[in-house]
């Protein structure tokens, strides 16, 4: 639907084209994404509950993990519920306001995850490279500030970016060739100069992808250098095992994100963009609790105690 003023058409809603119009494909995708959403929510909520309830996990490392699971729960919920509703009803329309809200929260939560993963890398750096000072450096207030900074970091940039996009003039087609309101596909519908938006995109990519990823690389460079100096193979194995889950998550999240946002525009294709976006918005949040529960002995121990029905200590 649109409104006309003079010779200019102003859009009031968009149509998300998603993954095609085949009825059989829609049913298959509905079932697939419904299972993924249930697994994602259940896994991340379970991790949060275990971290809160089990006193053995009341450490900085698991404080960050609980916040990561909370963030992933919110992150995937900005995309999947609307996509499931669209697949179920066949209604692919989204209001301009709804599209702006989805973009805002997607940018905010994605930016927060970038810096939260960097904070988790810093925690591992301090634990392995400065073990005697770990308790003093990673005391509760420091952890709260790191987490709060991560959550709040995306607010100004998501507000600015969303405002820049939706104060632009939409006067042509209203079909977004994507499954959610990401910046690039929405900008394709703008009929004015988008150079300011593109410059903003470059700045955001540097600030929220390149900088935290560089901090993670520095942390792990120091960690590897410290671990290689350890004389005991057992000590080296324990040190690396505490980082393995985080490294896998970082590789999945940053790998897909960097391929999506840092590759040359000349090799972009709509279908590849959709698949890459699907990976870091839908698949990675589902895999994170699996990765941490399967590769972390303390989390597995807490889950076993919970499943076995043993009494867990109350939160202190």
C-alpha atoms as a PDB file:
ATOM      1  CA  UNK A   1       0.000   0.000   0.000  1.00  0.00           C
ATOM      2  CA  UNK A   2       1.229   3.533  -0.702  1.00  0.00           C
ATOM      3  CA  UNK A   3       0.079   7.094  -0.564  1.00  0.00           C
ATOM      4  CA  UNK A   4       0.481   9.758  -3.212  1.00  0.00           C
ATOM      5  CA  UNK A   5       1.283  13.405  -2.643  1.00  0.00           C
ATOM      6  CA  UNK A   6       1.480  15.391  -5.859  1.00  0.00           C
ATOM      7  CA  UNK A   7       3.588  13.342  -8.248  1.00  0.00           C
ATOM      8  CA  UNK A   8       5.451  11.514  -5.445  1.00  0.00           C
ATOM      9  CA  UNK A   9       4.561   8.090  -4.001  1.00  0.00           C
ATOM     10  CA  UNK A  10       5.387   7.428  -0.356  1.00  0.00           C
ATOM     11  CA  UNK A  11       5.547   3.823   0.823  1.00  0.00           C
ATOM     12  CA  UNK A  12       3.647   2.757   3.922  1.00  0.00           C
ATOM     13  CA  UNK A  13       4.631  -0.924   3.830  1.00  0.00           C
ATOM     14  CA  UNK A  14       7.178  -3.302   2.328  1.00  0.00           C
ATOM     15  CA  UNK A  15       6.957  -6.824   0.960  1.00  0.00           C
ATOM     16  CA  UNK A  16       9.683  -9.236   2.098  1.00  0.00           C
ATOM     17  CA  UNK A  17      10.230 -11.699  -0.750  1.00  0.00           C
ATOM     18  CA  UNK A  18      12.022 -14.226   1.450  1.00  0.00           C
ATOM     19  CA  UNK A  19      13.045 -17.521  -0.161  1.00  0.00           C
ATOM     20  CA  UNK A  20      10.480 -17.895  -2.949  1.00  0.00           C
ATOM     21  CA  UNK A  21       6.797 -18.482  -3.427  1.00  0.00           C
ATOM     22  CA  UNK A  22       6.567 -22.265  -3.894  1.00  0.00           C
ATOM     23  CA  UNK A  23       3.894 -23.632  -1.464  1.00  0.00           C
ATOM     24  CA  UNK A  24       5.864 -26.847  -0.860  1.00  0.00           C
ATOM     25  CA  UNK A  25       9.012 -24.846  -0.144  1.00  0.00           C
ATOM     26  CA  UNK A  26       7.092 -22.577   2.253  1.00  0.00           C
ATOM     27  CA  UNK A  27       5.845 -25.571   4.260  1.00  0.00           C
ATOM     28  CA  UNK A  28       9.327 -27.092   4.406  1.00  0.00           C
ATOM     29  CA  UNK A  29      10.877 -23.792   5.485  1.00  0.00           C
ATOM     30  CA  UNK A  30       8.156 -23.247   8.087  1.00  0.00           C
ATOM     31  CA  UNK A  31       8.860 -26.612   9.718  1.00  0.00           C
ATOM     32  CA  UNK A  32      12.632 -26.154   9.486  1.00  0.00           C
ATOM     33  CA  UNK A  33      12.696 -22.648  10.965  1.00  0.00           C
ATOM     34  CA  UNK A  34      10.153 -23.564  13.636  1.00  0.00           C
ATOM     35  CA  UNK A  35      12.389 -26.401  14.839  1.00  0.00           C
ATOM     36  CA  UNK A  36      15.441 -24.125  14.719  1.00  0.00           C
ATOM     37  CA  UNK A  37      13.655 -21.420  16.726  1.00  0.00           C
ATOM     38  CA  UNK A  38      12.451 -23.889  19.386  1.00  0.00           C
ATOM     39  CA  UNK A  39      15.933 -25.416  19.707  1.00  0.00           C
ATOM     40  CA  UNK A  40      17.556 -21.963  19.855  1.00  0.00           C
ATOM     41  CA  UNK A  41      15.209 -20.648  22.531  1.00  0.00           C
ATOM     42  CA  UNK A  42      15.293 -23.834  24.606  1.00  0.00           C
ATOM     43  CA  UNK A  43      19.081 -24.168  24.439  1.00  0.00           C
ATOM     44  CA  UNK A  44      19.882 -20.561  25.284  1.00  0.00           C
ATOM     45  CA  UNK A  45      17.258 -20.310  28.038  1.00  0.00           C
ATOM     46  CA  UNK A  46      18.598 -23.539  29.543  1.00  0.00           C
ATOM     47  CA  UNK A  47      22.146 -22.131  29.548  1.00  0.00           C
ATOM     48  CA  UNK A  48      20.911 -18.922  31.240  1.00  0.00           C
ATOM     49  CA  UNK A  49      19.003 -20.895  33.873  1.00  0.00           C
ATOM     50  CA  UNK A  50      21.936 -23.174  34.661  1.00  0.00           C
ATOM     51  CA  UNK A  51      24.341 -20.227  34.953  1.00  0.00           C
ATOM     52  CA  UNK A  52      21.968 -18.424  37.338  1.00  0.00           C
ATOM     53  CA  UNK A  53      21.045 -21.417  39.511  1.00  0.00           C
ATOM     54  CA  UNK A  54      24.292 -23.394  39.815  1.00  0.00           C
ATOM     55  CA  UNK A  55      26.746 -21.680  42.155  1.00  0.00           C
ATOM     56  CA  UNK A  56      29.650 -23.534  40.524  1.00  0.00           C
ATOM     57  CA  UNK A  57      29.096 -21.317  37.486  1.00  0.00           C
ATOM     58  CA  UNK A  58      29.090 -18.017  39.378  1.00  0.00           C
ATOM     59  CA  UNK A  59      32.330 -16.885  37.770  1.00  0.00           C
ATOM     60  CA  UNK A  60      33.116 -14.139  35.229  1.00  0.00           C
ATOM     61  CA  UNK A  61      33.423 -16.646  32.386  1.00  0.00           C
ATOM     62  CA  UNK A  62      29.885 -17.953  32.894  1.00  0.00           C
ATOM     63  CA  UNK A  63      28.512 -14.505  33.674  1.00  0.00           C
ATOM     64  CA  UNK A  64      29.552 -13.567  30.136  1.00  0.00           C
ATOM     65  CA  UNK A  65      28.167 -16.839  28.766  1.00  0.00           C
ATOM     66  CA  UNK A  66      24.784 -16.218  30.396  1.00  0.00           C
ATOM     67  CA  UNK A  67      24.655 -12.762  28.834  1.00  0.00           C
ATOM     68  CA  UNK A  68      25.651 -14.205  25.453  1.00  0.00           C
ATOM     69  CA  UNK A  69      22.761 -16.682  25.654  1.00  0.00           C
ATOM     70  CA  UNK A  70      20.375 -13.876  26.631  1.00  0.00           C
ATOM     71  CA  UNK A  71      21.606 -11.773  23.735  1.00  0.00           C
ATOM     72  CA  UNK A  72      21.253 -14.677  21.285  1.00  0.00           C
ATOM     73  CA  UNK A  73      17.679 -15.254  22.464  1.00  0.00           C
ATOM     74  CA  UNK A  74      16.802 -11.624  21.722  1.00  0.00           C
ATOM     75  CA  UNK A  75      18.857 -11.536  18.508  1.00  0.00           C
ATOM     76  CA  UNK A  76      17.176 -14.483  16.821  1.00  0.00           C
ATOM     77  CA  UNK A  77      13.763 -13.233  18.019  1.00  0.00           C
ATOM     78  CA  UNK A  78      14.144 -10.072  15.925  1.00  0.00           C
ATOM     79  CA  UNK A  79      14.056 -12.171  12.750  1.00  0.00           C
ATOM     80  CA  UNK A  80      12.524 -15.622  13.170  1.00  0.00           C
ATOM     81  CA  UNK A  81       9.039 -14.896  14.645  1.00  0.00           C
ATOM     82  CA  UNK A  82       8.101 -12.517  11.817  1.00  0.00           C
ATOM     83  CA  UNK A  83       9.531 -14.934   9.258  1.00  0.00           C
ATOM     84  CA  UNK A  84       7.538 -17.830  10.750  1.00  0.00           C
ATOM     85  CA  UNK A  85       4.356 -15.744  10.730  1.00  0.00           C
ATOM     86  CA  UNK A  86       4.948 -14.871   7.081  1.00  0.00           C
ATOM     87  CA  UNK A  87       5.486 -18.521   6.130  1.00  0.00           C
ATOM     88  CA  UNK A  88       2.409 -19.592   8.080  1.00  0.00           C
ATOM     89  CA  UNK A  89      -0.042 -16.974   6.790  1.00  0.00           C
ATOM     90  CA  UNK A  90       1.485 -16.172   3.415  1.00  0.00           C
ATOM     91  CA  UNK A  91       1.369 -12.463   4.299  1.00  0.00           C
ATOM     92  CA  UNK A  92       4.775 -11.054   3.473  1.00  0.00           C
ATOM     93  CA  UNK A  93       4.000  -7.422   4.138  1.00  0.00           C
ATOM     94  CA  UNK A  94       5.647  -5.439   6.911  1.00  0.00           C
ATOM     95  CA  UNK A  95       4.871  -1.835   7.793  1.00  0.00           C
ATOM     96  CA  UNK A  96       7.542   0.802   7.395  1.00  0.00           C
ATOM     97  CA  UNK A  97       7.535   1.262  11.181  1.00  0.00           C
ATOM     98  CA  UNK A  98       7.826  -2.488  11.755  1.00  0.00           C
ATOM     99  CA  UNK A  99      10.689  -2.686   9.278  1.00  0.00           C
ATOM    100  CA  UNK A 100      12.487   0.196  11.024  1.00  0.00           C
ATOM    101  CA  UNK A 101      12.034  -1.462  14.432  1.00  0.00           C
ATOM    102  CA  UNK A 102      13.368  -4.781  13.140  1.00  0.00           C
ATOM    103  CA  UNK A 103      16.417  -3.079  11.619  1.00  0.00           C
ATOM    104  CA  UNK A 104      17.074  -1.087  14.800  1.00  0.00           C
ATOM    105  CA  UNK A 105      17.067  -4.106  17.117  1.00  0.00           C
ATOM    106  CA  UNK A 106      18.980  -6.266  14.644  1.00  0.00           C
ATOM    107  CA  UNK A 107      21.773  -3.675  14.468  1.00  0.00           C
ATOM    108  CA  UNK A 108      21.741  -3.082  18.226  1.00  0.00           C
ATOM    109  CA  UNK A 109      21.955  -6.753  19.196  1.00  0.00           C
ATOM    110  CA  UNK A 110      24.432  -7.637  16.448  1.00  0.00           C
ATOM    111  CA  UNK A 111      26.731  -4.821  17.560  1.00  0.00           C
ATOM    112  CA  UNK A 112      26.389  -5.891  21.194  1.00  0.00           C
ATOM    113  CA  UNK A 113      27.397  -9.455  20.321  1.00  0.00           C
ATOM    114  CA  UNK A 114      30.560  -8.244  18.569  1.00  0.00           C
ATOM    115  CA  UNK A 115      31.795  -6.482  21.712  1.00  0.00           C
ATOM    116  CA  UNK A 116      30.536  -9.148  24.123  1.00  0.00           C
ATOM    117  CA  UNK A 117      32.608 -11.754  22.274  1.00  0.00           C
ATOM    118  CA  UNK A 118      35.586  -9.385  22.590  1.00  0.00           C
ATOM    119  CA  UNK A 119      34.932  -9.061  26.348  1.00  0.00           C
ATOM    120  CA  UNK A 120      34.852 -12.850  26.649  1.00  0.00           C
ATOM    121  CA  UNK A 121      38.208 -13.044  24.849  1.00  0.00           C
ATOM    122  CA  UNK A 122      39.639 -10.488  27.286  1.00  0.00           C
ATOM    123  CA  UNK A 123      38.385 -12.589  30.197  1.00  0.00           C
ATOM    124  CA  UNK A 124      40.250 -15.635  28.836  1.00  0.00           C
ATOM    125  CA  UNK A 125      43.351 -13.502  28.251  1.00  0.00           C
ATOM    126  CA  UNK A 126      43.428 -12.354  31.871  1.00  0.00           C
ATOM    127  CA  UNK A 127      42.704 -15.877  33.179  1.00  0.00           C
ATOM    128  CA  UNK A 128      45.567 -17.463  31.236  1.00  0.00           C
ATOM    129  CA  UNK A 129      48.136 -14.680  30.951  1.00  0.00           C
ATOM    130  CA  UNK A 130      47.631 -13.089  34.408  1.00  0.00           C
ATOM    131  CA  UNK A 131      46.147 -15.858  36.596  1.00  0.00           C
ATOM    132  CA  UNK A 132      47.402 -14.385  39.888  1.00  0.00           C
ATOM    133  CA  UNK A 133      45.680 -11.067  39.173  1.00  0.00           C
ATOM    134  CA  UNK A 134      42.535 -12.584  37.644  1.00  0.00           C
ATOM    135  CA  UNK A 135      40.285 -12.157  40.677  1.00  0.00           C
ATOM    136  CA  UNK A 136      41.375  -8.544  41.156  1.00  0.00           C
ATOM    137  CA  UNK A 137      41.044  -7.585  37.479  1.00  0.00           C
ATOM    138  CA  UNK A 138      37.829  -9.458  36.702  1.00  0.00           C
ATOM    139  CA  UNK A 139      35.979  -8.506  39.861  1.00  0.00           C
ATOM    140  CA  UNK A 140      32.210  -8.202  39.702  1.00  0.00           C
ATOM    141  CA  UNK A 141      32.052  -4.479  38.947  1.00  0.00           C
ATOM    142  CA  UNK A 142      34.469  -4.816  36.020  1.00  0.00           C
ATOM    143  CA  UNK A 143      32.413  -7.657  34.553  1.00  0.00           C
ATOM    144  CA  UNK A 144      29.188  -5.673  34.895  1.00  0.00           C
ATOM    145  CA  UNK A 145      30.758  -2.673  33.167  1.00  0.00           C
ATOM    146  CA  UNK A 146      32.078  -4.827  30.317  1.00  0.00           C
ATOM    147  CA  UNK A 147      28.683  -6.444  29.783  1.00  0.00           C
ATOM    148  CA  UNK A 148      26.787  -3.152  30.115  1.00  0.00           C
ATOM    149  CA  UNK A 149      29.174  -1.494  27.668  1.00  0.00           C
ATOM    150  CA  UNK A 150      28.608  -4.323  25.189  1.00  0.00           C
ATOM    151  CA  UNK A 151      24.809  -4.105  25.455  1.00  0.00           C
ATOM    152  CA  UNK A 152      24.779  -0.300  25.214  1.00  0.00           C
ATOM    153  CA  UNK A 153      27.403   0.053  22.487  1.00  0.00           C
ATOM    154  CA  UNK A 154      24.938  -0.556  19.689  1.00  0.00           C
ATOM    155  CA  UNK A 155      22.310   1.988  20.762  1.00  0.00           C
ATOM    156  CA  UNK A 156      23.765   5.138  19.152  1.00  0.00           C
ATOM    157  CA  UNK A 157      24.900   3.450  15.954  1.00  0.00           C
ATOM    158  CA  UNK A 158      21.655   1.510  15.449  1.00  0.00           C
ATOM    159  CA  UNK A 159      19.670   4.705  16.051  1.00  0.00           C
ATOM    160  CA  UNK A 160      21.782   6.739  13.625  1.00  0.00           C
ATOM    161  CA  UNK A 161      21.826   4.035  10.962  1.00  0.00           C
ATOM    162  CA  UNK A 162      18.095   3.334  11.145  1.00  0.00           C
ATOM    163  CA  UNK A 163      17.308   7.051  11.118  1.00  0.00           C
ATOM    164  CA  UNK A 164      19.504   7.623   8.064  1.00  0.00           C
ATOM    165  CA  UNK A 165      17.768   4.815   6.179  1.00  0.00           C
ATOM    166  CA  UNK A 166      14.171   5.658   7.069  1.00  0.00           C
ATOM    167  CA  UNK A 167      14.452   9.411   6.621  1.00  0.00           C
ATOM    168  CA  UNK A 168      15.467   8.692   3.027  1.00  0.00           C
ATOM    169  CA  UNK A 169      12.856   8.860   0.287  1.00  0.00           C
ATOM    170  CA  UNK A 170      11.188   5.597  -0.770  1.00  0.00           C
ATOM    171  CA  UNK A 171       9.321   6.293  -3.975  1.00  0.00           C
ATOM    172  CA  UNK A 172       9.593   3.207  -6.132  1.00  0.00           C
ATOM    173  CA  UNK A 173       9.034  -0.549  -5.686  1.00  0.00           C
ATOM    174  CA  UNK A 174       8.294  -1.786  -2.176  1.00  0.00           C
ATOM    175  CA  UNK A 175       9.641  -5.337  -2.557  1.00  0.00           C
ATOM    176  CA  UNK A 176      12.652  -6.177  -0.377  1.00  0.00           C
ATOM    177  CA  UNK A 177      14.518  -9.173  -1.810  1.00  0.00           C
ATOM    178  CA  UNK A 178      15.452 -10.532   1.610  1.00  0.00           C
ATOM    179  CA  UNK A 179      13.843 -12.307   4.563  1.00  0.00           C
ATOM    180  CA  UNK A 180      14.220  -9.412   7.019  1.00  0.00           C
ATOM    181  CA  UNK A 181      14.877  -5.670   6.979  1.00  0.00           C
ATOM    182  CA  UNK A 182      18.651  -5.513   6.682  1.00  0.00           C
ATOM    183  CA  UNK A 183      20.266  -2.221   5.707  1.00  0.00           C
ATOM    184  CA  UNK A 184      21.581  -3.090   2.238  1.00  0.00           C
ATOM    185  CA  UNK A 185      18.388  -4.550   0.692  1.00  0.00           C
ATOM    186  CA  UNK A 186      16.254  -1.724   2.128  1.00  0.00           C
ATOM    187  CA  UNK A 187      18.646   0.892   0.730  1.00  0.00           C
ATOM    188  CA  UNK A 188      18.092  -0.553  -2.740  1.00  0.00           C
ATOM    189  CA  UNK A 189      14.570   0.901  -2.590  1.00  0.00           C
ATOM    190  CA  UNK A 190      15.742   4.443  -1.801  1.00  0.00           C
ATOM    191  CA  UNK A 191      15.393   6.774  -4.779  1.00  0.00           C
ATOM    192  CA  UNK A 192      17.786   9.442  -3.486  1.00  0.00           C
ATOM    193  CA  UNK A 193      21.557   9.639  -3.083  1.00  0.00           C
ATOM    194  CA  UNK A 194      22.674   6.895  -0.662  1.00  0.00           C
ATOM    195  CA  UNK A 195      26.360   7.834  -0.430  1.00  0.00           C
ATOM    196  CA  UNK A 196      25.865   9.040   3.156  1.00  0.00           C
ATOM    197  CA  UNK A 197      24.324   5.694   4.094  1.00  0.00           C
ATOM    198  CA  UNK A 198      27.129   3.777   2.411  1.00  0.00           C
ATOM    199  CA  UNK A 199      29.749   5.783   4.289  1.00  0.00           C
ATOM    200  CA  UNK A 200      27.872   5.065   7.504  1.00  0.00           C
ATOM    201  CA  UNK A 201      27.880   1.342   6.639  1.00  0.00           C
ATOM    202  CA  UNK A 202      31.641   1.374   6.179  1.00  0.00           C
ATOM    203  CA  UNK A 203      32.144   3.149   9.509  1.00  0.00           C
ATOM    204  CA  UNK A 204      29.892   0.679  11.329  1.00  0.00           C
ATOM    205  CA  UNK A 205      31.685  -2.281   9.761  1.00  0.00           C
ATOM    206  CA  UNK A 206      35.022  -0.974  11.022  1.00  0.00           C
ATOM    207  CA  UNK A 207      33.791  -0.063  14.500  1.00  0.00           C
ATOM    208  CA  UNK A 208      31.675  -3.152  15.166  1.00  0.00           C
ATOM    209  CA  UNK A 209      33.412  -5.857  13.168  1.00  0.00           C
ATOM    210  CA  UNK A 210      37.044  -4.946  12.534  1.00  0.00           C
ATOM    211  CA  UNK A 211      37.880  -3.354  15.917  1.00  0.00           C
ATOM    212  CA  UNK A 212      36.447  -6.052  18.239  1.00  0.00           C
ATOM    213  CA  UNK A 213      37.802  -8.786  15.967  1.00  0.00           C
ATOM    214  CA  UNK A 214      41.246  -7.178  16.184  1.00  0.00           C
ATOM    215  CA  UNK A 215      40.945  -7.113  19.980  1.00  0.00           C
ATOM    216  CA  UNK A 216      40.047 -10.808  19.939  1.00  0.00           C
ATOM    217  CA  UNK A 217      43.055 -11.587  17.725  1.00  0.00           C
ATOM    218  CA  UNK A 218      45.373  -9.684  20.079  1.00  0.00           C
ATOM    219  CA  UNK A 219      43.949 -11.518  23.100  1.00  0.00           C
ATOM    220  CA  UNK A 220      44.427 -14.931  21.512  1.00  0.00           C
ATOM    221  CA  UNK A 221      47.884 -14.075  20.234  1.00  0.00           C
ATOM    222  CA  UNK A 222      48.904 -13.346  23.823  1.00  0.00           C
ATOM    223  CA  UNK A 223      47.106 -16.480  25.038  1.00  0.00           C
ATOM    224  CA  UNK A 224      48.860 -18.724  22.511  1.00  0.00           C
ATOM    225  CA  UNK A 225      52.244 -17.189  23.326  1.00  0.00           C
ATOM    226  CA  UNK A 226      51.662 -17.808  27.053  1.00  0.00           C
ATOM    227  CA  UNK A 227      50.365 -21.350  26.580  1.00  0.00           C
ATOM    228  CA  UNK A 228      53.315 -22.366  24.405  1.00  0.00           C
ATOM    229  CA  UNK A 229      55.654 -21.336  27.230  1.00  0.00           C
ATOM    230  CA  UNK A 230      53.976 -23.768  29.651  1.00  0.00           C
ATOM    231  CA  UNK A 231      56.151 -26.781  30.370  1.00  0.00           C
ATOM    232  CA  UNK A 232      53.336 -29.190  31.220  1.00  0.00           C
ATOM    233  CA  UNK A 233      51.282 -30.690  28.351  1.00  0.00           C
ATOM    234  CA  UNK A 234      48.357 -31.019  30.784  1.00  0.00           C
ATOM    235  CA  UNK A 235      48.470 -27.305  31.575  1.00  0.00           C
ATOM    236  CA  UNK A 236      48.545 -26.437  27.885  1.00  0.00           C
ATOM    237  CA  UNK A 237      45.581 -28.707  27.209  1.00  0.00           C
ATOM    238  CA  UNK A 238      43.540 -27.207  30.066  1.00  0.00           C
ATOM    239  CA  UNK A 239      44.326 -23.674  28.929  1.00  0.00           C
ATOM    240  CA  UNK A 240      43.310 -24.344  25.350  1.00  0.00           C
ATOM    241  CA  UNK A 241      40.183 -26.242  26.399  1.00  0.00           C
ATOM    242  CA  UNK A 242      38.860 -23.213  28.293  1.00  0.00           C
ATOM    243  CA  UNK A 243      39.084 -21.188  25.062  1.00  0.00           C
ATOM    244  CA  UNK A 244      37.931 -23.752  22.496  1.00  0.00           C
ATOM    245  CA  UNK A 245      34.185 -23.091  22.737  1.00  0.00           C
ATOM    246  CA  UNK A 246      34.654 -19.327  22.503  1.00  0.00           C
ATOM    247  CA  UNK A 247      36.977 -19.721  19.513  1.00  0.00           C
ATOM    248  CA  UNK A 248      34.411 -21.841  17.659  1.00  0.00           C
ATOM    249  CA  UNK A 249      31.653 -19.285  18.329  1.00  0.00           C
ATOM    250  CA  UNK A 250      33.888 -16.382  17.238  1.00  0.00           C
ATOM    251  CA  UNK A 251      34.841 -18.225  14.045  1.00  0.00           C
ATOM    252  CA  UNK A 252      31.198 -18.913  13.160  1.00  0.00           C
ATOM    253  CA  UNK A 253      29.920 -15.420  13.948  1.00  0.00           C
ATOM    254  CA  UNK A 254      32.762 -13.291  12.604  1.00  0.00           C
ATOM    255  CA  UNK A 255      33.486 -15.608   9.685  1.00  0.00           C
ATOM    256  CA  UNK A 256      30.001 -15.300   8.216  1.00  0.00           C
ATOM    257  CA  UNK A 257      29.699 -11.624   9.181  1.00  0.00           C
ATOM    258  CA  UNK A 258      32.979 -10.603   7.560  1.00  0.00           C
ATOM    259  CA  UNK A 259      32.274 -12.549   4.383  1.00  0.00           C
ATOM    260  CA  UNK A 260      28.906 -10.802   4.246  1.00  0.00           C
ATOM    261  CA  UNK A 261      29.996  -7.218   4.943  1.00  0.00           C
ATOM    262  CA  UNK A 262      33.659  -7.029   3.892  1.00  0.00           C
ATOM    263  CA  UNK A 263      33.681  -8.818   0.524  1.00  0.00           C
ATOM    264  CA  UNK A 264      33.732  -6.689  -2.646  1.00  0.00           C
ATOM    265  CA  UNK A 265      30.342  -5.520  -3.858  1.00  0.00           C
ATOM    266  CA  UNK A 266      31.096  -6.965  -7.318  1.00  0.00           C
ATOM    267  CA  UNK A 267      30.768 -10.548  -6.027  1.00  0.00           C
ATOM    268  CA  UNK A 268      27.556  -9.958  -4.052  1.00  0.00           C
ATOM    269  CA  UNK A 269      24.531 -11.941  -5.176  1.00  0.00           C
ATOM    270  CA  UNK A 270      21.066 -11.840  -3.633  1.00  0.00           C
ATOM    271  CA  UNK A 271      20.894 -15.574  -2.933  1.00  0.00           C
ATOM    272  CA  UNK A 272      24.371 -15.710  -1.389  1.00  0.00           C
ATOM    273  CA  UNK A 273      23.532 -12.708   0.796  1.00  0.00           C
ATOM    274  CA  UNK A 274      20.394 -14.456   2.037  1.00  0.00           C
ATOM    275  CA  UNK A 275      22.281 -17.653   2.871  1.00  0.00           C
ATOM    276  CA  UNK A 276      25.051 -15.794   4.710  1.00  0.00           C
ATOM    277  CA  UNK A 277      22.514 -13.707   6.613  1.00  0.00           C
ATOM    278  CA  UNK A 278      20.633 -16.875   7.499  1.00  0.00           C
ATOM    279  CA  UNK A 279      23.798 -18.368   8.924  1.00  0.00           C
ATOM    280  CA  UNK A 280      24.652 -15.605  11.401  1.00  0.00           C
ATOM    281  CA  UNK A 281      21.077 -14.635  12.304  1.00  0.00           C
ATOM    282  CA  UNK A 282      19.532 -18.095  12.616  1.00  0.00           C
ATOM    283  CA  UNK A 283      22.078 -20.934  12.593  1.00  0.00           C
ATOM    284  CA  UNK A 284      24.786 -19.486  14.864  1.00  0.00           C
ATOM    285  CA  UNK A 285      22.411 -18.629  17.765  1.00  0.00           C
ATOM    286  CA  UNK A 286      21.154 -22.222  17.605  1.00  0.00           C
ATOM    287  CA  UNK A 287      24.660 -23.709  17.636  1.00  0.00           C
ATOM    288  CA  UNK A 288      26.086 -21.612  20.487  1.00  0.00           C
ATOM    289  CA  UNK A 289      24.397 -23.456  23.401  1.00  0.00           C
ATOM    290  CA  UNK A 290      25.244 -26.785  21.723  1.00  0.00           C
ATOM    291  CA  UNK A 291      28.897 -25.776  21.380  1.00  0.00           C
ATOM    292  CA  UNK A 292      29.179 -24.618  24.995  1.00  0.00           C
ATOM    293  CA  UNK A 293      27.284 -27.569  26.468  1.00  0.00           C
ATOM    294  CA  UNK A 294      29.194 -30.215  24.491  1.00  0.00           C
ATOM    295  CA  UNK A 295      32.683 -28.739  24.830  1.00  0.00           C
ATOM    296  CA  UNK A 296      32.544 -27.433  28.397  1.00  0.00           C
ATOM    297  CA  UNK A 297      32.865 -29.885  31.275  1.00  0.00           C
ATOM    298  CA  UNK A 298      31.482 -27.503  33.906  1.00  0.00           C
ATOM    299  CA  UNK A 299      28.370 -26.718  31.862  1.00  0.00           C
ATOM    300  CA  UNK A 300      27.867 -30.423  31.127  1.00  0.00           C
ATOM    301  CA  UNK A 301      28.271 -31.170  34.836  1.00  0.00           C
ATOM    302  CA  UNK A 302      25.697 -28.532  35.778  1.00  0.00           C
ATOM    303  CA  UNK A 303      23.268 -29.863  33.167  1.00  0.00           C
ATOM    304  CA  UNK A 304      23.721 -33.424  34.447  1.00  0.00           C
ATOM    305  CA  UNK A 305      23.024 -32.300  38.003  1.00  0.00           C
ATOM    306  CA  UNK A 306      19.923 -30.512  36.811  1.00  0.00           C
ATOM    307  CA  UNK A 307      18.654 -33.458  34.773  1.00  0.00           C
ATOM    308  CA  UNK A 308      19.397 -35.867  37.605  1.00  0.00           C
ATOM    309  CA  UNK A 309      17.231 -33.725  39.856  1.00  0.00           C
ATOM    310  CA  UNK A 310      19.940 -32.969  42.397  1.00  0.00           C
ATOM    311  CA  UNK A 311      19.381 -29.948  44.529  1.00  0.00           C
ATOM    312  CA  UNK A 312      21.266 -26.939  43.211  1.00  0.00           C
ATOM    313  CA  UNK A 313      22.509 -24.196  45.446  1.00  0.00           C
ATOM    314  CA  UNK A 314      20.448 -20.966  45.421  1.00  0.00           C
ATOM    315  CA  UNK A 315      21.805 -17.806  43.839  1.00  0.00           C
ATOM    316  CA  UNK A 316      23.879 -15.870  46.270  1.00  0.00           C
END
